[in-house]
Protein backbone atom coordinates (compact mmCIF):
# COMPACT_ATOMS: atom_id res chain seq x y z
CA MET A 1 8.74 69.99 2.04
CA SER A 2 10.40 66.65 1.33
CA ARG A 3 8.41 64.02 -0.44
CA ALA A 4 7.71 60.70 1.23
CA ARG A 5 9.46 57.76 -0.27
CA PRO A 6 7.17 55.41 -2.21
CA PRO A 7 6.87 51.88 -0.85
CA ALA A 8 9.80 49.66 -1.80
CA PRO A 9 8.89 47.07 -4.47
CA ALA A 10 8.45 43.59 -3.05
CA LEU A 11 11.32 41.19 -3.70
CA SER A 12 10.53 37.88 -5.32
CA ARG A 13 12.61 34.75 -4.77
CA GLY A 14 13.88 35.06 -8.32
CA GLU A 15 15.09 38.60 -7.68
CA ALA A 16 16.78 37.55 -4.44
CA ALA A 17 18.54 34.74 -6.30
CA ALA A 18 19.55 37.08 -9.14
CA TYR A 19 21.04 39.47 -6.62
CA ALA A 20 22.90 36.71 -4.78
CA VAL A 21 24.50 35.26 -7.94
CA GLY A 22 26.81 38.27 -8.10
CA SER A 23 28.49 37.10 -4.91
CA PHE A 24 29.62 33.93 -6.65
CA ALA A 25 32.00 36.15 -8.62
CA ASN A 26 33.05 37.92 -5.43
CA GLY A 27 33.95 34.58 -3.87
CA VAL A 28 35.94 33.44 -6.90
CA PHE A 29 37.80 36.70 -7.46
CA SER A 30 38.80 36.98 -3.80
CA THR A 31 39.87 33.34 -3.45
CA VAL A 32 41.87 32.53 -6.57
CA PRO A 33 44.56 35.21 -6.02
CA THR A 34 44.71 34.31 -2.33
CA VAL A 35 45.37 30.67 -3.19
CA LEU A 36 47.46 30.96 -6.37
CA LEU A 37 48.99 34.41 -6.87
CA LEU A 38 51.99 34.02 -4.54
CA TYR A 39 52.85 30.66 -6.10
CA PHE A 40 52.31 32.07 -9.61
CA CYS A 41 54.71 34.92 -8.89
CA THR A 42 57.53 32.83 -7.46
CA GLU A 43 57.28 29.67 -9.59
CA THR A 44 56.00 30.94 -12.95
CA LEU A 45 57.15 34.56 -13.16
CA GLY A 46 60.39 34.01 -11.23
CA VAL A 47 59.75 36.83 -8.75
CA PRO A 48 61.76 36.62 -5.50
CA ALA A 49 59.64 35.51 -2.55
CA ALA A 50 59.99 38.78 -0.61
CA TRP A 51 58.96 40.83 -3.65
CA ALA A 52 56.05 38.50 -4.32
CA ALA A 53 54.86 38.85 -0.72
CA ALA A 54 54.86 42.63 -1.11
CA ALA A 55 52.96 42.38 -4.42
CA VAL A 56 50.27 40.29 -2.69
CA PHE A 57 50.05 42.25 0.58
CA ALA A 58 50.05 45.89 -0.59
CA PRO A 59 46.75 45.73 -2.58
CA LYS A 60 45.02 44.08 0.39
CA ALA A 61 46.21 46.87 2.67
CA TRP A 62 45.05 49.45 0.14
CA ALA A 63 41.58 47.90 0.00
CA ILE A 64 41.12 48.41 3.76
CA PHE A 65 41.24 52.18 3.17
CA TRP A 66 39.59 52.15 -0.27
CA ASP A 67 36.41 50.27 0.72
CA PRO A 68 34.90 52.98 2.98
CA PHE A 69 35.57 55.58 0.29
CA VAL A 70 33.78 53.47 -2.33
CA GLY A 71 30.82 53.00 0.00
CA ALA A 72 30.55 56.72 0.69
CA TRP A 73 31.02 57.49 -3.01
CA SER A 74 28.13 55.22 -3.98
CA ASP A 75 25.95 56.83 -1.28
CA ARG A 76 26.62 60.26 -2.77
CA THR A 77 26.07 59.22 -6.40
CA ARG A 78 23.03 60.66 -8.17
CA SER A 79 22.43 59.36 -11.70
CA ARG A 80 19.59 58.24 -13.90
CA PHE A 81 20.86 54.67 -13.43
CA GLY A 82 20.62 54.86 -9.63
CA ARG A 83 23.31 54.87 -6.97
CA ARG A 84 24.72 51.34 -6.98
CA ARG A 85 24.28 50.23 -10.59
CA PRO A 86 26.97 52.50 -12.10
CA PHE A 87 29.51 50.91 -9.75
CA LEU A 88 28.28 47.40 -10.47
CA ALA A 89 28.52 48.11 -14.21
CA ALA A 90 32.11 49.38 -13.88
CA GLY A 91 33.06 46.31 -11.88
CA CYS A 92 31.22 43.97 -14.22
CA VAL A 93 33.38 45.12 -17.13
CA GLY A 94 36.66 46.00 -15.44
CA LEU A 95 37.01 43.25 -12.86
CA PRO A 96 36.98 40.24 -15.23
CA LEU A 97 39.38 42.04 -17.59
CA ALA A 98 41.76 42.82 -14.74
CA PHE A 99 41.62 39.22 -13.49
CA ALA A 100 42.36 37.78 -16.93
CA ALA A 101 45.22 40.26 -17.44
CA LEU A 102 46.76 39.46 -14.04
CA PHE A 103 47.38 35.84 -15.00
CA TRP A 104 48.18 36.56 -18.66
CA ALA A 105 51.53 38.15 -17.81
CA PRO A 106 53.30 38.59 -21.20
CA VAL A 107 56.52 39.66 -19.43
CA HIS A 108 59.82 38.02 -18.52
CA GLY A 109 62.34 38.62 -15.78
CA PRO A 110 61.86 39.16 -12.04
CA VAL A 111 61.50 42.95 -12.18
CA ALA A 112 58.95 42.95 -15.00
CA GLY A 113 57.12 40.05 -13.38
CA PHE A 114 56.93 41.88 -10.06
CA LEU A 115 55.68 45.08 -11.67
CA TRP A 116 53.05 43.18 -13.67
CA ALA A 117 51.81 41.21 -10.66
CA ALA A 118 51.84 44.15 -8.26
CA GLY A 119 50.14 46.52 -10.70
CA GLY A 120 47.64 43.93 -11.89
CA TYR A 121 46.65 42.87 -8.39
CA PHE A 122 46.36 46.50 -7.25
CA LEU A 123 44.00 47.17 -10.17
CA LEU A 124 42.07 43.98 -9.42
CA ALA A 125 41.64 44.92 -5.73
CA THR A 126 40.49 48.42 -6.67
CA LEU A 127 37.90 47.19 -9.17
CA TYR A 128 36.80 44.41 -6.82
CA SER A 129 35.77 47.02 -4.24
CA LEU A 130 33.87 49.01 -6.88
CA PHE A 131 31.62 45.98 -7.38
CA ALA A 132 31.65 44.22 -4.01
CA VAL A 133 31.00 47.16 -1.66
CA PRO A 134 27.90 48.61 -3.43
CA HIS A 135 26.66 45.07 -4.04
CA SER A 136 26.94 44.26 -0.33
CA ALA A 137 25.09 47.48 0.56
CA VAL A 138 21.95 46.44 -1.33
CA PRO A 139 20.22 44.44 1.49
CA ALA A 140 20.45 47.40 3.89
CA GLU A 141 18.96 49.71 1.26
CA ILE A 142 16.20 47.74 -0.45
CA GLY A 143 15.33 45.26 2.30
CA ALA A 144 12.27 46.95 3.79
CA GLU A 145 11.78 44.29 6.48
CA PRO A 146 14.34 42.55 8.75
CA ALA A 147 13.41 39.11 7.42
CA GLN A 148 13.86 40.36 3.85
CA ARG A 149 17.33 41.71 4.63
CA ALA A 150 18.25 38.47 6.37
CA ARG A 151 17.19 36.39 3.36
CA LEU A 152 19.13 38.58 0.94
CA VAL A 153 22.26 38.29 3.06
CA GLY A 154 21.76 34.54 3.52
CA TRP A 155 21.42 33.92 -0.21
CA ARG A 156 24.39 36.19 -0.92
CA MET A 157 26.68 34.46 1.57
CA THR A 158 25.71 31.03 0.24
CA ALA A 159 26.62 32.11 -3.29
CA ALA A 160 29.87 33.63 -2.03
CA MET A 161 30.87 30.39 -0.26
CA VAL A 162 30.11 28.42 -3.43
CA GLY A 163 32.39 30.86 -5.25
CA VAL A 164 35.13 30.37 -2.67
CA LEU A 165 34.91 26.59 -3.05
CA ALA A 166 34.82 26.84 -6.85
CA GLY A 167 37.79 29.19 -6.91
CA ALA A 168 39.92 27.16 -4.52
CA GLY A 169 39.14 23.83 -6.16
CA GLY A 170 38.36 24.69 -9.77
CA ALA A 171 41.14 27.11 -10.72
CA PRO A 172 44.01 24.64 -10.11
CA VAL A 173 42.11 22.01 -12.13
CA LEU A 174 41.75 24.43 -15.05
CA ILE A 175 45.45 25.31 -14.95
CA GLN A 176 46.38 21.65 -15.12
CA ALA A 177 43.81 20.95 -17.86
CA PHE A 178 45.36 23.64 -20.06
CA GLY A 179 48.88 22.29 -19.64
CA GLY A 180 50.14 24.28 -16.67
CA GLY A 181 52.78 26.99 -16.80
CA ARG A 182 52.10 30.38 -18.32
CA ALA A 183 49.62 28.99 -20.86
CA GLY A 184 47.68 27.19 -18.16
CA TYR A 185 47.40 30.26 -15.93
CA ALA A 186 46.43 32.48 -18.87
CA ALA A 187 43.69 30.11 -20.02
CA MET A 188 42.40 29.73 -16.47
CA GLY A 189 42.21 33.52 -16.13
CA VAL A 190 40.13 33.87 -19.28
CA CYS A 191 37.74 31.03 -18.37
CA VAL A 192 37.18 32.33 -14.85
CA ALA A 193 36.73 35.90 -16.12
CA VAL A 194 34.02 34.89 -18.60
CA LEU A 195 32.15 32.78 -16.04
CA CYS A 196 32.23 35.48 -13.39
CA MET A 197 31.23 38.26 -15.77
CA ALA A 198 28.05 36.30 -16.54
CA ALA A 199 27.36 36.05 -12.80
CA MET A 200 27.98 39.78 -12.26
CA VAL A 201 25.43 40.80 -14.90
CA SER A 202 22.64 39.17 -12.89
CA PRO A 203 22.38 41.70 -10.00
CA LEU A 204 22.94 44.55 -12.44
CA VAL A 205 19.78 43.52 -14.31
CA MET A 206 17.84 42.75 -11.14
CA LEU A 207 18.47 46.21 -9.65
CA ARG A 208 16.80 48.03 -12.54
CA ARG A 209 13.59 47.87 -10.51
CA HIS A 210 15.12 48.71 -7.14
CA ASP A 211 18.11 51.07 -7.52
CA ARG A 212 16.71 54.58 -7.26
CA PRO A 213 17.35 56.98 -10.18
CA ALA A 214 18.23 60.61 -9.59
CA ALA A 215 14.63 61.79 -10.02
CA ALA A 216 13.54 59.64 -7.07
CA ASN A 217 16.09 61.25 -4.75
CA ALA A 218 14.49 64.70 -4.67
CA GLY A 219 13.17 64.27 -1.15
CA ARG A 220 16.24 62.60 0.34
CA PRO A 221 18.55 64.37 2.79
CA ALA A 222 21.58 65.93 1.14
CA PRO A 223 24.61 63.62 1.22
CA ALA A 224 27.01 64.33 4.05
CA PRO A 225 30.63 65.15 3.19
CA LEU A 226 32.91 62.12 2.99
CA ILE A 227 34.44 62.68 6.44
CA GLY A 228 30.98 63.28 7.84
CA GLN A 229 29.76 59.99 6.36
CA LEU A 230 32.66 58.10 7.92
CA ARG A 231 32.00 59.81 11.24
CA LEU A 232 28.38 58.67 11.12
CA ALA A 233 29.52 55.05 10.82
CA PHE A 234 32.20 55.16 13.49
CA SER A 235 30.02 57.08 15.94
CA ASP A 236 27.24 54.47 15.84
CA ALA A 237 27.54 52.51 19.11
CA ASP A 238 25.80 49.39 17.78
CA PHE A 239 28.02 49.36 14.71
CA ARG A 240 31.19 49.77 16.79
CA ARG A 241 30.29 46.88 19.10
CA LEU A 242 29.35 44.64 16.20
CA GLY A 243 32.53 45.60 14.33
CA CYS A 244 34.70 44.73 17.34
CA ALA A 245 33.02 41.33 17.64
CA PHE A 246 33.41 40.69 13.91
CA LEU A 247 37.09 41.67 13.95
CA LEU A 248 37.85 39.21 16.76
CA GLN A 249 35.86 36.44 15.07
CA LEU A 250 37.56 36.83 11.70
CA THR A 251 40.98 37.02 13.33
CA ALA A 252 40.16 33.64 14.86
CA VAL A 253 39.02 32.31 11.48
CA GLY A 254 42.12 33.64 9.73
CA ALA A 255 44.38 32.08 12.35
CA VAL A 256 42.87 28.62 11.87
CA SER A 257 43.04 28.91 8.07
CA ALA A 258 46.68 30.01 8.16
CA ALA A 259 47.58 27.20 10.56
CA ALA A 260 45.84 24.51 8.47
CA PRO A 261 48.84 23.72 6.19
CA TYR A 262 51.12 23.35 9.20
CA ILE A 263 48.59 21.04 10.84
CA VAL A 264 47.98 18.89 7.77
CA VAL A 265 51.55 18.67 6.43
CA GLY A 266 53.66 19.24 9.54
CA ALA A 267 51.67 17.56 12.29
CA PHE A 268 49.88 14.81 10.38
CA GLY A 269 52.53 14.25 7.72
CA ARG A 270 50.01 14.39 4.89
CA PRO A 271 50.77 15.60 1.33
CA GLU A 272 50.04 19.22 0.49
CA GLY A 273 47.00 18.22 -1.54
CA ASP A 274 45.29 17.15 1.67
CA VAL A 275 45.25 20.78 2.80
CA GLY A 276 42.65 21.23 0.09
CA THR A 277 40.80 18.16 1.36
CA ALA A 278 40.54 19.58 4.87
CA MET A 279 39.58 23.09 3.77
CA GLY A 280 37.21 21.74 1.13
CA ALA A 281 35.38 19.69 3.78
CA LEU A 282 35.11 22.81 5.93
CA LEU A 283 33.71 24.88 3.06
CA VAL A 284 31.16 22.26 2.03
CA ALA A 285 29.87 22.20 5.60
CA THR A 286 29.80 26.00 5.54
CA ILE A 287 27.73 26.14 2.35
CA LEU A 288 25.22 23.63 3.72
CA SER A 289 24.97 25.46 7.06
CA VAL A 290 24.47 29.05 5.86
CA PRO A 291 20.71 28.67 5.21
CA VAL A 292 20.28 27.05 8.63
CA TRP A 293 21.97 29.92 10.44
CA SER A 294 19.99 32.45 8.41
CA TRP A 295 16.74 30.76 9.47
CA LEU A 296 17.87 30.50 13.10
CA GLY A 297 18.71 34.20 13.09
CA ARG A 298 15.30 35.16 11.75
CA ARG A 299 13.58 32.82 14.23
CA TYR A 300 15.54 33.52 17.43
CA GLY A 301 17.42 36.74 16.72
CA GLU A 302 20.72 37.24 14.87
CA SER A 303 22.63 38.64 17.84
CA ARG A 304 21.71 35.71 20.07
CA MET A 305 22.54 33.14 17.39
CA LEU A 306 25.84 34.87 16.62
CA GLY A 307 26.85 34.23 20.22
CA VAL A 308 25.98 30.57 19.73
CA ALA A 309 28.04 30.45 16.53
CA ALA A 310 31.04 32.09 18.26
CA ALA A 311 30.89 29.56 21.09
CA GLY A 312 30.55 26.75 18.53
CA TYR A 313 33.60 27.96 16.61
CA ALA A 314 35.61 28.15 19.83
CA ALA A 315 34.67 24.53 20.55
CA ALA A 316 35.57 23.52 16.98
CA ALA A 317 38.99 25.18 17.24
CA LEU A 318 39.59 23.34 20.50
CA ALA A 319 38.62 20.08 18.76
CA VAL A 320 41.03 20.68 15.87
CA GLY A 321 43.83 21.53 18.31
CA ALA A 322 43.10 18.48 20.45
CA ALA A 323 42.98 16.22 17.38
CA THR A 324 46.38 17.57 16.33
CA MET A 325 47.86 17.13 19.78
CA LEU A 326 46.57 13.56 20.08
CA HIS A 327 47.57 12.80 16.47
CA VAL A 328 44.27 11.09 15.72
CA ALA A 329 43.59 9.20 12.51
CA TRP A 330 43.41 11.44 9.43
CA PRO A 331 39.67 10.84 8.79
CA VAL A 332 38.95 12.01 12.33
CA ALA A 333 40.99 15.16 11.73
CA VAL A 334 39.04 15.85 8.52
CA ALA A 335 35.83 15.37 10.51
CA CYS A 336 37.01 18.03 12.98
CA PHE A 337 37.60 20.48 10.12
CA THR A 338 34.16 19.60 8.76
CA LEU A 339 32.54 20.33 12.10
CA ALA A 340 34.26 23.73 12.17
CA GLY A 341 32.46 24.61 8.94
CA ALA A 342 29.06 24.73 10.62
CA PRO A 343 29.79 27.52 13.15
CA PHE A 344 31.99 29.25 10.58
CA ALA A 345 28.85 29.66 8.45
CA GLY A 346 27.20 31.45 11.37
CA LEU A 347 30.21 33.77 11.70
CA GLN A 348 29.71 34.70 8.05
CA VAL A 349 25.98 35.19 7.55
CA LEU A 350 24.88 36.53 10.95
CA PRO A 351 27.35 39.46 11.30
CA PHE A 352 26.57 40.63 7.76
CA THR A 353 22.86 40.42 8.49
CA LEU A 354 23.22 42.43 11.70
CA ALA A 355 25.39 44.97 9.88
CA ALA A 356 22.61 45.37 7.28
CA HIS A 357 20.08 45.93 10.09
CA VAL A 358 22.31 48.55 11.75
CA ALA A 359 22.98 50.37 8.46
CA HIS A 360 19.29 50.34 7.60
CA ALA A 361 18.32 51.67 11.04
CA ALA A 362 20.98 54.39 10.96
CA SER A 363 19.91 55.48 7.49
CA ARG A 364 16.25 55.70 8.58
CA GLU A 365 17.20 57.70 11.67
CA ARG A 366 19.14 60.15 9.55
CA GLY A 367 16.16 60.43 7.20
CA GLY A 368 14.02 61.98 9.94
CA ALA A 369 10.39 61.75 10.86
CA ASN A 370 9.10 61.20 7.33
CA GLY A 371 10.79 57.79 7.20
CA GLU A 372 12.91 58.68 4.17
CA ALA A 373 16.16 56.71 4.04
CA GLY A 374 19.23 58.80 4.78
CA GLY A 375 21.35 57.18 2.11
CA ILE A 376 24.35 56.09 4.19
CA GLU A 377 24.11 52.31 3.72
CA GLY A 378 27.16 52.28 1.44
CA VAL A 379 29.60 53.89 3.85
CA PHE A 380 28.54 51.51 6.62
CA THR A 381 29.11 48.60 4.24
CA GLY A 382 32.49 49.95 3.13
CA VAL A 383 33.71 50.23 6.72
CA TRP A 384 32.33 46.76 7.39
CA THR A 385 34.19 45.13 4.49
CA SER A 386 37.36 46.90 5.69
CA ILE A 387 36.91 45.27 9.09
CA GLU A 388 36.48 41.94 7.33
CA LYS A 389 39.72 42.33 5.38
CA LEU A 390 41.61 43.54 8.43
CA GLY A 391 40.49 40.53 10.47
CA LEU A 392 41.42 38.07 7.74
CA ALA A 393 44.86 39.73 7.52
CA LEU A 394 45.42 39.79 11.30
CA GLY A 395 44.73 36.06 11.67
CA PRO A 396 47.65 34.88 9.50
CA ALA A 397 49.85 37.61 10.98
CA LEU A 398 49.09 36.35 14.49
CA THR A 399 49.85 32.79 13.38
CA ALA A 400 53.18 33.84 11.87
CA VAL A 401 54.23 35.76 14.99
CA VAL A 402 53.34 32.94 17.36
CA LEU A 403 55.02 30.28 15.25
CA SER A 404 58.17 32.39 14.99
CA PHE A 405 58.50 32.08 18.77
CA THR A 406 57.15 28.57 19.35
CA GLY A 407 58.32 26.83 16.18
CA LYS A 408 56.32 24.78 13.72
CA THR A 409 56.27 21.53 15.64
CA GLY A 410 53.10 19.53 16.20
CA PRO A 411 52.64 20.44 19.89
CA ALA A 412 53.26 24.13 19.22
CA ILE A 413 50.75 24.44 16.40
CA ALA A 414 48.24 22.27 18.25
CA GLY A 415 48.43 24.44 21.34
CA PHE A 416 48.09 27.62 19.31
CA VAL A 417 45.01 26.42 17.40
CA ALA A 418 43.39 25.03 20.54
CA LEU A 419 43.82 28.22 22.58
CA ALA A 420 44.21 31.42 20.53
CA PRO A 421 41.27 31.17 18.06
CA ALA A 422 38.98 29.83 20.78
CA ALA A 423 39.90 32.71 23.08
CA LEU A 424 39.31 35.26 20.31
CA ALA A 425 35.91 33.78 19.40
CA LEU A 426 34.80 33.71 23.03
CA ALA A 427 36.07 37.26 23.64
CA SER A 428 33.92 38.49 20.74
CA MET A 429 30.81 37.58 22.73
CA ILE A 430 31.54 40.45 25.12
CA PHE A 431 30.50 42.89 22.38
CA LEU A 432 27.28 41.12 21.41
CA ASN A 433 25.01 43.27 23.54
CA PRO A 434 21.35 43.82 22.65
CA SER A 435 20.96 46.60 20.10
CA ARG A 436 18.21 48.32 18.16
CA ALA A 437 19.15 46.14 15.17
CA ALA A 438 18.97 42.93 17.20
CA ASP A 439 15.60 43.96 18.60
CA GLU A 440 14.34 44.88 15.13
CA SER A 441 15.40 41.54 13.69
CA LEU A 442 12.91 39.78 15.97
CA GLU A 443 9.96 41.84 14.76
CA PRO A 444 7.54 39.94 12.53
CA SER A 445 7.59 40.84 8.86
CA ALA A 446 4.74 42.87 7.49
């Protein structure tokens, strides 16, 4: 006879904050290579542009397949340190070292530079998943109540957005402060690595009380084989619908982000530095709006509010496109980007919250009548982060394809931004049907 699971320890605000701090590192480590690595390869290491593009793209493609495996692996792990903590510990040590090494680059020549960048970024992407996927699975596992899961996700996404802003704005400042060139990149890599390692220790310590050791898993269902775990995720109707909506939403987000430099520099004739101004305004609005959307989701239901956020993002994309087409004053254009940050926050926190609800519900259903969790939160999270990365890759790809046919002129980019992202965001609402997770999220907390 299987033993009933003891009640989950209550989460204090301090523990929720300690958990969320780890996502600051996730935001930094995902953003800095996205912003700087291509430029570092071509301008500092002397790597040809086509080679550099391959060095940047291949690890991202690998991560789409690697993430579900990491999630399933952490589900199947049985150790005296728990299921997630061994992965967080490996990432806490390896990820900062890999990041610092990536920008250290003690090599010369295009071939050696390409091999260093490609190998270093591949290692970074691999270690990033070891930390980020199990870390993201925590709300679905330890959040006993819907409101508790929503708060954990809300705090985590706020910390992640702060990390994105810090990475995009702070890393270039550090490079310049240390003199630029190879020395500047190397010093930046070390500083960022040390800061992020300190942030990554926080959830590792916090989970000592919540990550279940091997002795506590005696009554749990036996882990399914890897393929069986993946099948459980893909066969869940709620998860499939939510994943389709999320994919369309992030494709819309990626398209707007990829089009931003063409809007700012090409259409408005602004210097390249103003791309950072526009995106920084968007991210500040996002950070401020995440807690609001988290509260709205808990109050009125995450699925319903996600539809509102999708409609809001469609309207914001239309506004940015219209501002570009009308060639409004630059402050008005920045205001349009700022307004887009508010619904973008909803497209970040609400899908992740709903995914945590779905994973939690599916795990409980697999556990059977005794209420014991089935231990499949990790594989759901791994598939979910793969969808996220795929959407963020499809958006720029769509932008590149469209611009190759229409050109990079102001009217062409304005029409694209006004129509394509808005259509994608609105189409995502088709998949936001009521689900067991959406219904559960409206239940009052115990």
